[in-house]
Amino acid sequence: MRPSRRLALGVVGTCSAVLSAAAPAVAGLPNETIGTARIGQAQPTTVLANSRGRTLYVYTGDRKGRVSCYGGCLAPYYKPLLTGRKALARSGSGVRQKLLGTVRRSNGQLQVAYDGHPLYTDTQDTRPGLYYGQACQGTAGDWFVVATSGNANEKLIGESSMCNGY
């Protein structure tokens, strides 16, 4: 019998979520719960976060309902937020379920989307509350944290962008 991979839902709104299984291979992706987190010190703001409390981003080069960011657009910092099945993406604290959905990537994988905008994480955000990918320039668009409305939050959070030159 194959072990079940289940996601234990935590309170993402306070950046505490629990993943009960190690990150599985793409074929066995777990449910993905989208919640909110507070980031920034000088001017804290609420943004979308994944089930591990990590800040989520949108890429302005993507179009609503369509992914355009592949290969060099992602490397080396951004990763698409993938889910196993359309029905497995769920909303958490502060997120509207009707805005949550998926878009299909060119390789057939389902990427979580909010208000039609594909969602991404930044590999340098190693713990909740970090937002290194904010206001970074990409190849055909820019990267921004996601406001709870589903739009890119283009204002710089805190004193300056944390992009650090990438």
Foldseek 3Di string as FASTA:
>chain_A
DDDDQEFAADQLQDQAADGPDDQDDLQRFYFKEKEWYWAFDPAIAIFIAIRNQAFKKFWPLADQQGDDQDDQQQPPWKDFAFGNDQVRYHYHYLADRVQWTWHADPVGTTGIAGVRTTMIGTPVRPGHRDDLQDQADGDRTGMATAHSVRDGPNDDGYPGHNPVHD
